[in-house]
Amino acid sequence: MGNGNRAQQKRERNAAKAKGGEAKSQLKSNAAALTIKCKTCFQSFQSTTNRKMLSEHATNKHSKAFEDCFDADAGVAR
């Protein structure tokens, strides 16, 4: 067995490993999780964002109350 054959076998093994180990992106799942939207600026928030963070956004960005910017059930854990 020559070095050329070993190199070819190694290339084949590495190609087989590369097929099964593709990196999985989380971008689509993160975009799907953006379910809460501010009525004033249309900024999206993840569904896991708590009510405190949303009310801080409303007061700091818009000087408005929580109810003016978000639905009543937004930021409530389900």
C-alpha atoms as a PDB file:
ATOM      1  CA  MET A   1       0.000   0.000   0.000  1.00  0.00           C
ATOM      2  CA  GLY A   2       1.557   3.267  -1.098  1.00  0.00           C
ATOM      3  CA  ASN A   3       1.183   6.732   0.343  1.00  0.00           C
ATOM      4  CA  GLY A   4      -1.131   7.739  -2.477  1.00  0.00           C
ATOM      5  CA  ASN A   5      -3.618   5.065  -1.476  1.00  0.00           C
ATOM      6  CA  ARG A   6      -3.495   6.147   2.177  1.00  0.00           C
ATOM      7  CA  ALA A   7      -4.085   9.747   1.219  1.00  0.00           C
ATOM      8  CA  GLN A   8      -7.066   8.769  -0.914  1.00  0.00           C
ATOM      9  CA  GLN A   9      -8.559   6.723   1.928  1.00  0.00           C
ATOM     10  CA  LYS A  10      -8.109   9.640   4.319  1.00  0.00           C
ATOM     11  CA  ARG A  11      -9.822  12.012   1.876  1.00  0.00           C
ATOM     12  CA  GLU A  12     -12.758   9.597   1.598  1.00  0.00           C
ATOM     13  CA  ARG A  13     -13.033   9.263   5.395  1.00  0.00           C
ATOM     14  CA  ASN A  14     -12.955  13.035   5.858  1.00  0.00           C
ATOM     15  CA  ALA A  15     -15.600  13.517   3.168  1.00  0.00           C
ATOM     16  CA  ALA A  16     -17.860  10.974   4.903  1.00  0.00           C
ATOM     17  CA  LYS A  17     -17.407  12.763   8.238  1.00  0.00           C
ATOM     18  CA  ALA A  18     -18.161  16.147   6.686  1.00  0.00           C
ATOM     19  CA  LYS A  19     -21.492  14.951   5.257  1.00  0.00           C
ATOM     20  CA  GLY A  20     -22.865  13.790   8.614  1.00  0.00           C
ATOM     21  CA  GLY A  21     -21.523  16.678  10.676  1.00  0.00           C
ATOM     22  CA  GLU A  22     -23.066  19.646   8.933  1.00  0.00           C
ATOM     23  CA  ALA A  23     -23.591  22.654  11.156  1.00  0.00           C
ATOM     24  CA  LYS A  24     -27.201  23.404  11.938  1.00  0.00           C
ATOM     25  CA  SER A  25     -28.298  27.010  11.910  1.00  0.00           C
ATOM     26  CA  GLN A  26     -30.717  28.338  14.509  1.00  0.00           C
ATOM     27  CA  LEU A  27     -31.692  31.444  12.548  1.00  0.00           C
ATOM     28  CA  LYS A  28     -35.043  30.092  11.355  1.00  0.00           C
ATOM     29  CA  SER A  29     -36.130  28.995  14.817  1.00  0.00           C
ATOM     30  CA  ASN A  30     -35.075  32.342  16.304  1.00  0.00           C
ATOM     31  CA  ALA A  31     -37.069  34.216  13.668  1.00  0.00           C
ATOM     32  CA  ALA A  32     -40.110  32.050  14.370  1.00  0.00           C
ATOM     33  CA  ALA A  33     -39.846  32.846  18.087  1.00  0.00           C
ATOM     34  CA  LEU A  34     -40.269  36.601  17.466  1.00  0.00           C
ATOM     35  CA  THR A  35     -43.990  36.637  18.206  1.00  0.00           C
ATOM     36  CA  ILE A  36     -44.423  39.807  20.299  1.00  0.00           C
ATOM     37  CA  LYS A  37     -44.451  43.065  18.354  1.00  0.00           C
ATOM     38  CA  CYS A  38     -44.518  46.663  19.601  1.00  0.00           C
ATOM     39  CA  LYS A  39     -47.495  48.542  18.162  1.00  0.00           C
ATOM     40  CA  THR A  40     -45.566  51.817  18.026  1.00  0.00           C
ATOM     41  CA  CYS A  41     -42.203  50.936  16.458  1.00  0.00           C
ATOM     42  CA  PHE A  42     -42.968  47.391  15.253  1.00  0.00           C
ATOM     43  CA  GLN A  43     -39.872  45.994  16.981  1.00  0.00           C
ATOM     44  CA  SER A  44     -40.177  42.243  17.480  1.00  0.00           C
ATOM     45  CA  PHE A  45     -39.450  40.403  20.712  1.00  0.00           C
ATOM     46  CA  GLN A  46     -39.086  36.707  21.450  1.00  0.00           C
ATOM     47  CA  SER A  47     -42.013  34.954  23.039  1.00  0.00           C
ATOM     48  CA  THR A  48     -39.882  34.301  26.140  1.00  0.00           C
ATOM     49  CA  THR A  49     -39.483  38.024  26.887  1.00  0.00           C
ATOM     50  CA  ASN A  50     -41.059  38.871  30.218  1.00  0.00           C
ATOM     51  CA  ARG A  51     -43.555  41.645  30.876  1.00  0.00           C
ATOM     52  CA  LYS A  52     -41.007  43.715  32.825  1.00  0.00           C
ATOM     53  CA  MET A  53     -38.692  43.967  29.799  1.00  0.00           C
ATOM     54  CA  LEU A  54     -41.593  44.930  27.543  1.00  0.00           C
ATOM     55  CA  SER A  55     -42.818  47.626  29.917  1.00  0.00           C
ATOM     56  CA  GLU A  56     -39.262  49.002  30.131  1.00  0.00           C
ATOM     57  CA  HIS A  57     -39.211  49.188  26.329  1.00  0.00           C
ATOM     58  CA  ALA A  58     -42.518  51.071  26.312  1.00  0.00           C
ATOM     59  CA  THR A  59     -41.449  53.615  28.923  1.00  0.00           C
ATOM     60  CA  ASN A  60     -37.839  54.126  27.786  1.00  0.00           C
ATOM     61  CA  LYS A  61     -38.357  54.176  24.015  1.00  0.00           C
ATOM     62  CA  HIS A  62     -41.799  55.708  23.697  1.00  0.00           C
ATOM     63  CA  SER A  63     -42.673  57.263  27.083  1.00  0.00           C
ATOM     64  CA  LYS A  64     -45.898  55.257  26.973  1.00  0.00           C
ATOM     65  CA  ALA A  65     -47.570  52.664  29.150  1.00  0.00           C
ATOM     66  CA  PHE A  66     -47.297  48.945  28.501  1.00  0.00           C
ATOM     67  CA  GLU A  67     -50.897  48.740  27.275  1.00  0.00           C
ATOM     68  CA  ASP A  68     -50.268  51.431  24.630  1.00  0.00           C
ATOM     69  CA  CYS A  69     -47.480  49.412  23.003  1.00  0.00           C
ATOM     70  CA  PHE A  70     -48.378  45.750  23.529  1.00  0.00           C
ATOM     71  CA  ASP A  71     -51.363  43.433  23.776  1.00  0.00           C
ATOM     72  CA  ALA A  72     -52.610  42.616  27.277  1.00  0.00           C
ATOM     73  CA  ASP A  73     -51.318  39.038  27.203  1.00  0.00           C
ATOM     74  CA  ALA A  74     -47.873  39.880  25.764  1.00  0.00           C
ATOM     75  CA  GLY A  75     -44.976  38.943  28.015  1.00  0.00           C
ATOM     76  CA  VAL A  76     -47.054  36.548  30.088  1.00  0.00           C
ATOM     77  CA  ALA A  77     -45.562  33.086  30.507  1.00  0.00           C
ATOM     78  CA  ARG A  78     -47.827  30.402  29.097  1.00  0.00           C
END
